[in-house]
Amino acid sequence: MASEQLSVLITGAGGQLAQCIKHVMADFDYAFYFKDRKALDITDSDSINRVLDETNSDIVINTAAYTQVDLAETETEQAFAINHLGVANLAKLCAEKGIKLIHISTDYVFDGKSDQPYLETDPTAPQTAYGRSKLAGELAIQQAALPAFWLIRTAWLYSIYGKNFYKTILNLAQTRDELGVVNDQTGAPTQALDLARFILENLSKLDRENSGIYHFVNSGQATWYDFACAIIDQNALKTAVVPVSSNQYPTAATRPRYSVLDNSKIQKTFNYSIRHWREALQG
């Protein structure tokens, strides 16, 4: 019976992760409700209240976020409005209504200066306005009296949807013989479909006992240059990829030199195997 289905609300429906959830949702027997910012503005408590009641939500997957890393340096108030205050609103109302929450965060909460993969327990030290706004949102979730929550940090997310490095490289390769790509920033390219599938496959397991922070990235690590080379190879393109230094591409917000997240906790807790990034790139 439909009434026995879990009701799952996904915020930020226009973003790539929400679109990836939509891409794989046919394999799962839940009642899904996708809301973009027009339909659900997390900075507006009345909007959240109305939608939670309309959808009779059991679980909210919050993918709504301000993600313009460079612009956040000047649009700091807007970044905090969405990534902190919006998330705090959502967590508070979910807690009041006994609704479980899954929230997506980022490697930018760390300082990017490590030389080994970051654990969930490692100290946070964001170096950008975007990172500070996301960390503030994390703290709001941990302080809310939610019945259960997963705070999932991810990084270098890509897919066929939205705006991301994978699509940018493919688009540039259509018109250029040579691409300069930074070779001194290291991370774990993460297929957004893999994250979407993990969330939906384990949704029914979300409870108070396994509540907490988790890292989900594809296994292995790469520089942006390595990732670009793999994208070019996978699509049998002829464009040459040339390694360059970050200094040649100055940005308003400092990019982490090292942002690999350790995903062993999530794999052990849910007995779940996460693919290597090179395998995930193959589809």
Protein backbone atom coordinates (compact mmCIF):
# COMPACT_ATOMS: atom_id res chain seq x y z
CA MET A 1 0.00 0.00 0.00
CA ALA A 2 1.21 3.51 -0.85
CA SER A 3 0.65 4.65 2.72
CA GLU A 4 3.36 2.23 3.88
CA GLN A 5 5.96 3.74 1.58
CA LEU A 6 8.57 6.00 3.10
CA SER A 7 7.92 9.57 1.97
CA VAL A 8 11.21 11.12 0.85
CA LEU A 9 11.58 14.84 0.20
CA ILE A 10 14.54 16.04 -1.88
CA THR A 11 15.40 19.74 -1.72
CA GLY A 12 17.48 21.53 -4.33
CA ALA A 13 15.85 19.55 -7.15
CA GLY A 14 17.68 21.52 -9.85
CA GLY A 15 21.15 20.45 -8.66
CA GLN A 16 23.22 17.57 -9.99
CA LEU A 17 22.87 15.25 -6.98
CA ALA A 18 19.08 15.64 -6.89
CA GLN A 19 18.98 14.91 -10.63
CA CYS A 20 21.12 11.81 -10.05
CA ILE A 21 18.69 10.65 -7.34
CA LYS A 22 15.88 11.11 -9.88
CA HIS A 23 17.97 9.13 -12.41
CA VAL A 24 18.16 6.03 -10.15
CA MET A 25 14.92 6.33 -8.16
CA ALA A 26 12.93 3.88 -10.30
CA ASP A 27 14.85 1.05 -8.60
CA PHE A 28 13.49 2.02 -5.17
CA ASP A 29 10.02 1.76 -3.70
CA TYR A 30 9.70 5.13 -1.99
CA ALA A 31 7.35 8.06 -2.49
CA PHE A 32 9.68 10.75 -3.83
CA TYR A 33 9.01 14.50 -3.80
CA PHE A 34 11.47 16.77 -5.58
CA LYS A 35 11.33 20.47 -4.78
CA ASP A 36 13.43 23.19 -6.38
CA ARG A 37 14.04 26.57 -4.79
CA LYS A 38 10.81 28.05 -6.18
CA ALA A 39 8.76 25.27 -4.58
CA LEU A 40 10.79 25.09 -1.37
CA ASP A 41 13.02 27.90 -0.13
CA ILE A 42 14.98 26.62 2.87
CA THR A 43 15.66 30.19 4.00
CA ASP A 44 11.89 30.54 4.59
CA SER A 45 10.54 28.56 7.56
CA ASP A 46 6.93 28.90 6.37
CA SER A 47 7.90 27.38 3.02
CA ILE A 48 9.63 24.44 4.74
CA ASN A 49 6.70 23.91 7.12
CA ARG A 50 4.16 23.86 4.30
CA VAL A 51 6.10 21.40 2.14
CA LEU A 52 6.93 19.03 5.02
CA ASP A 53 3.22 18.84 5.86
CA GLU A 54 2.08 18.55 2.22
CA THR A 55 4.44 15.66 1.51
CA ASN A 56 4.05 14.01 4.93
CA SER A 57 7.82 13.55 4.83
CA ASP A 58 9.56 10.74 6.73
CA ILE A 59 13.04 11.65 5.48
CA VAL A 60 14.45 14.82 3.94
CA ILE A 61 17.53 14.67 1.69
CA ASN A 62 18.89 18.20 1.63
CA THR A 63 20.89 18.89 -1.52
CA ALA A 64 19.99 22.61 -1.58
CA ALA A 65 23.14 24.69 -1.21
CA TYR A 66 24.95 27.82 -2.26
CA THR A 67 27.91 26.35 -4.16
CA GLN A 68 29.57 29.33 -5.90
CA VAL A 69 32.91 28.96 -4.14
CA ASP A 70 34.53 32.11 -5.57
CA LEU A 71 31.43 34.32 -5.45
CA ALA A 72 30.94 33.37 -1.78
CA GLU A 73 33.97 35.50 -0.97
CA THR A 74 31.91 38.59 -1.86
CA GLU A 75 28.38 37.16 -1.51
CA THR A 76 29.17 35.86 1.97
CA GLU A 77 25.82 36.86 3.46
CA GLN A 78 23.95 34.96 0.74
CA ALA A 79 26.16 31.88 1.18
CA PHE A 80 25.49 31.85 4.93
CA ALA A 81 21.75 32.51 4.41
CA ILE A 82 21.43 29.24 2.48
CA ASN A 83 24.24 27.03 3.83
CA HIS A 84 23.85 27.98 7.49
CA LEU A 85 20.52 29.65 8.30
CA GLY A 86 18.56 27.66 5.69
CA VAL A 87 20.02 24.40 6.97
CA ALA A 88 19.33 25.45 10.58
CA ASN A 89 15.68 26.16 9.66
CA LEU A 90 15.36 22.77 8.00
CA ALA A 91 17.01 20.89 10.88
CA LYS A 92 14.85 22.67 13.51
CA LEU A 93 11.57 21.94 11.73
CA CYS A 94 12.53 18.34 10.94
CA ALA A 95 13.42 17.88 14.63
CA GLU A 96 10.07 19.33 15.74
CA LYS A 97 8.16 17.03 13.39
CA GLY A 98 10.25 13.90 14.05
CA ILE A 99 11.58 13.77 10.48
CA LYS A 100 14.99 12.22 9.69
CA LEU A 101 17.50 14.32 7.75
CA ILE A 102 20.29 13.56 5.29
CA HIS A 103 22.46 16.57 4.52
CA ILE A 104 25.26 16.94 1.99
CA SER A 105 28.43 18.79 2.99
CA THR A 106 31.90 19.26 1.59
CA ASP A 107 35.66 18.76 1.86
CA TYR A 108 35.96 22.57 2.10
CA VAL A 109 35.32 22.34 5.86
CA PHE A 110 38.96 21.19 6.14
CA ASP A 111 42.10 23.28 5.62
CA GLY A 112 43.34 21.30 2.60
CA LYS A 113 46.85 21.08 4.04
CA SER A 114 46.89 17.41 5.03
CA ASP A 115 48.93 14.73 3.31
CA GLN A 116 46.61 11.84 4.14
CA PRO A 117 42.86 11.34 3.65
CA TYR A 118 40.69 13.28 6.10
CA LEU A 119 38.74 11.31 8.70
CA GLU A 120 35.31 12.42 9.94
CA THR A 121 36.93 13.14 13.33
CA ASP A 122 39.72 15.37 11.98
CA PRO A 123 39.61 19.01 13.07
CA THR A 124 37.82 21.37 10.71
CA ALA A 125 39.46 24.62 9.61
CA PRO A 126 37.74 26.07 6.54
CA GLN A 127 39.86 28.49 4.52
CA THR A 128 37.03 30.05 2.47
CA ALA A 129 33.69 31.78 3.05
CA TYR A 130 31.98 28.85 1.33
CA GLY A 131 33.70 26.36 3.65
CA ARG A 132 32.79 28.42 6.73
CA SER A 133 29.14 28.60 5.65
CA LYS A 134 28.98 24.82 5.11
CA LEU A 135 30.62 24.13 8.48
CA ALA A 136 28.07 26.41 10.18
CA GLY A 137 25.32 24.32 8.58
CA GLU A 138 26.95 21.11 9.82
CA LEU A 139 27.01 22.45 13.39
CA ALA A 140 23.33 23.48 13.17
CA ILE A 141 22.38 19.90 12.23
CA GLN A 142 24.43 18.40 15.04
CA GLN A 143 22.82 20.78 17.54
CA ALA A 144 19.24 20.09 16.40
CA ALA A 145 17.43 17.31 18.28
CA LEU A 146 16.85 15.26 15.13
CA PRO A 147 15.48 11.71 15.49
CA ALA A 148 18.27 10.59 13.13
CA PHE A 149 20.63 12.23 10.63
CA TRP A 150 23.46 11.57 8.22
CA LEU A 151 25.78 14.42 7.46
CA ILE A 152 27.58 13.26 4.31
CA ARG A 153 30.68 15.12 3.17
CA THR A 154 31.65 14.61 -0.44
CA ALA A 155 34.06 16.21 -2.91
CA TRP A 156 34.84 16.63 -6.61
CA LEU A 157 31.29 15.60 -7.50
CA TYR A 158 30.53 15.18 -11.20
CA SER A 159 27.84 13.72 -13.46
CA ILE A 160 26.13 14.36 -16.79
CA TYR A 161 23.94 16.89 -14.96
CA GLY A 162 24.57 20.45 -13.84
CA LYS A 163 27.85 22.31 -13.96
CA ASN A 164 30.96 20.31 -13.05
CA PHE A 165 34.56 19.61 -14.03
CA TYR A 166 33.71 16.52 -16.10
CA LYS A 167 31.30 18.44 -18.34
CA THR A 168 33.62 21.45 -18.54
CA ILE A 169 36.51 19.30 -19.83
CA LEU A 170 34.27 17.61 -22.41
CA ASN A 171 32.94 20.97 -23.61
CA LEU A 172 36.38 22.60 -23.85
CA ALA A 173 37.81 19.56 -25.64
CA GLN A 174 35.32 20.09 -28.48
CA THR A 175 36.93 23.38 -29.45
CA ARG A 176 40.52 23.25 -28.21
CA ASP A 177 43.60 21.25 -29.25
CA GLU A 178 45.22 21.72 -25.85
CA LEU A 179 44.00 22.18 -22.27
CA GLY A 180 46.06 23.41 -19.31
CA VAL A 181 44.85 21.71 -16.10
CA VAL A 182 46.21 22.16 -12.57
CA ASN A 183 48.39 19.32 -11.33
CA ASP A 184 49.03 20.42 -7.73
CA GLN A 185 45.60 19.89 -6.18
CA THR A 186 44.68 16.35 -5.15
CA GLY A 187 41.24 14.89 -4.47
CA ALA A 188 38.91 11.99 -5.26
CA PRO A 189 36.71 12.46 -8.34
CA THR A 190 33.26 11.28 -7.24
CA GLN A 191 30.49 10.10 -9.55
CA ALA A 192 27.29 11.71 -8.22
CA LEU A 193 25.27 8.68 -9.36
CA ASP A 194 27.32 6.52 -6.97
CA LEU A 195 26.46 8.82 -4.06
CA ALA A 196 22.79 8.92 -5.07
CA ARG A 197 22.64 5.13 -5.23
CA PHE A 198 24.37 4.74 -1.86
CA ILE A 199 21.85 7.05 -0.21
CA LEU A 200 18.81 5.31 -1.67
CA GLU A 201 20.12 1.78 -1.08
CA ASN A 202 20.70 2.54 2.61
CA LEU A 203 17.84 4.96 3.28
CA SER A 204 15.78 2.50 5.29
CA LYS A 205 18.77 1.92 7.63
CA LEU A 206 18.92 5.55 8.82
CA ASP A 207 18.42 5.50 12.59
CA ARG A 208 19.67 7.05 15.81
CA GLU A 209 22.43 4.42 16.22
CA ASN A 210 24.14 5.20 12.91
CA SER A 211 23.49 8.95 12.98
CA GLY A 212 26.55 11.12 12.44
CA ILE A 213 29.10 12.40 9.97
CA TYR A 214 30.25 10.27 7.02
CA HIS A 215 32.59 10.78 4.11
CA PHE A 216 31.55 9.53 0.68
CA VAL A 217 33.96 9.86 -2.22
CA ASN A 218 35.01 7.34 -4.83
CA SER A 219 38.12 5.43 -3.76
CA GLY A 220 41.62 6.37 -4.88
CA GLN A 221 42.93 9.86 -5.55
CA ALA A 222 43.95 12.06 -8.45
CA THR A 223 44.97 15.57 -9.39
CA TRP A 224 42.66 17.61 -11.63
CA TYR A 225 45.21 16.93 -14.38
CA ASP A 226 44.93 13.14 -13.81
CA PHE A 227 41.15 13.40 -13.86
CA ALA A 228 41.15 15.48 -17.07
CA CYS A 229 43.46 12.97 -18.80
CA ALA A 230 41.14 10.11 -17.80
CA ILE A 231 38.07 12.00 -19.12
CA ILE A 232 39.82 12.67 -22.45
CA ASP A 233 40.91 9.00 -22.73
CA GLN A 234 37.50 7.64 -21.78
CA ASN A 235 35.82 9.70 -24.50
CA ALA A 236 38.53 8.90 -27.09
CA LEU A 237 39.26 12.58 -27.66
CA LYS A 238 42.45 13.92 -29.24
CA THR A 239 42.88 17.05 -27.10
CA ALA A 240 46.28 17.30 -25.38
CA VAL A 241 46.21 17.91 -21.61
CA VAL A 242 49.10 19.91 -20.16
CA PRO A 243 49.88 20.04 -16.41
CA VAL A 244 50.02 23.56 -14.94
CA SER A 245 50.43 25.13 -11.49
CA SER A 246 47.54 26.62 -9.48
CA ASN A 247 49.51 29.88 -9.54
CA GLN A 248 48.69 30.15 -13.24
CA TYR A 249 44.97 30.08 -12.44
CA PRO A 250 44.41 32.43 -9.48
CA THR A 251 40.89 32.27 -7.99
CA ALA A 252 39.04 34.47 -5.49
CA ALA A 253 38.76 31.53 -3.06
CA THR A 254 41.78 29.42 -2.21
CA ARG A 255 41.39 25.87 -3.49
CA PRO A 256 42.42 23.04 -1.12
CA ARG A 257 45.81 21.60 -2.04
CA TYR A 258 44.68 18.23 -0.70
CA SER A 259 41.03 17.25 -0.26
CA VAL A 260 40.89 13.45 -0.27
CA LEU A 261 38.30 12.19 2.22
CA ASP A 262 38.70 8.82 3.95
CA ASN A 263 35.58 6.78 3.11
CA SER A 264 36.34 3.70 5.27
CA LYS A 265 33.78 4.58 7.99
CA ILE A 266 30.83 4.59 5.59
CA GLN A 267 32.04 1.37 3.92
CA LYS A 268 32.38 -0.44 7.28
CA THR A 269 29.21 0.90 8.89
CA PHE A 270 26.96 -0.08 5.98
CA ASN A 271 29.04 -2.98 4.62
CA TYR A 272 29.10 -1.05 1.38
CA SER A 273 31.80 -1.14 -1.27
CA ILE A 274 32.66 2.18 -2.94
CA ARG A 275 34.18 1.98 -6.41
CA HIS A 276 37.53 3.37 -7.45
CA TRP A 277 37.14 6.69 -9.27
CA ARG A 278 38.59 5.27 -12.50
CA GLU A 279 35.98 2.49 -12.52
CA ALA A 280 33.18 4.96 -11.71
CA LEU A 281 34.25 7.14 -14.65
CA GLN A 282 33.56 4.23 -17.02
CA GLY A 283 29.85 4.48 -16.14
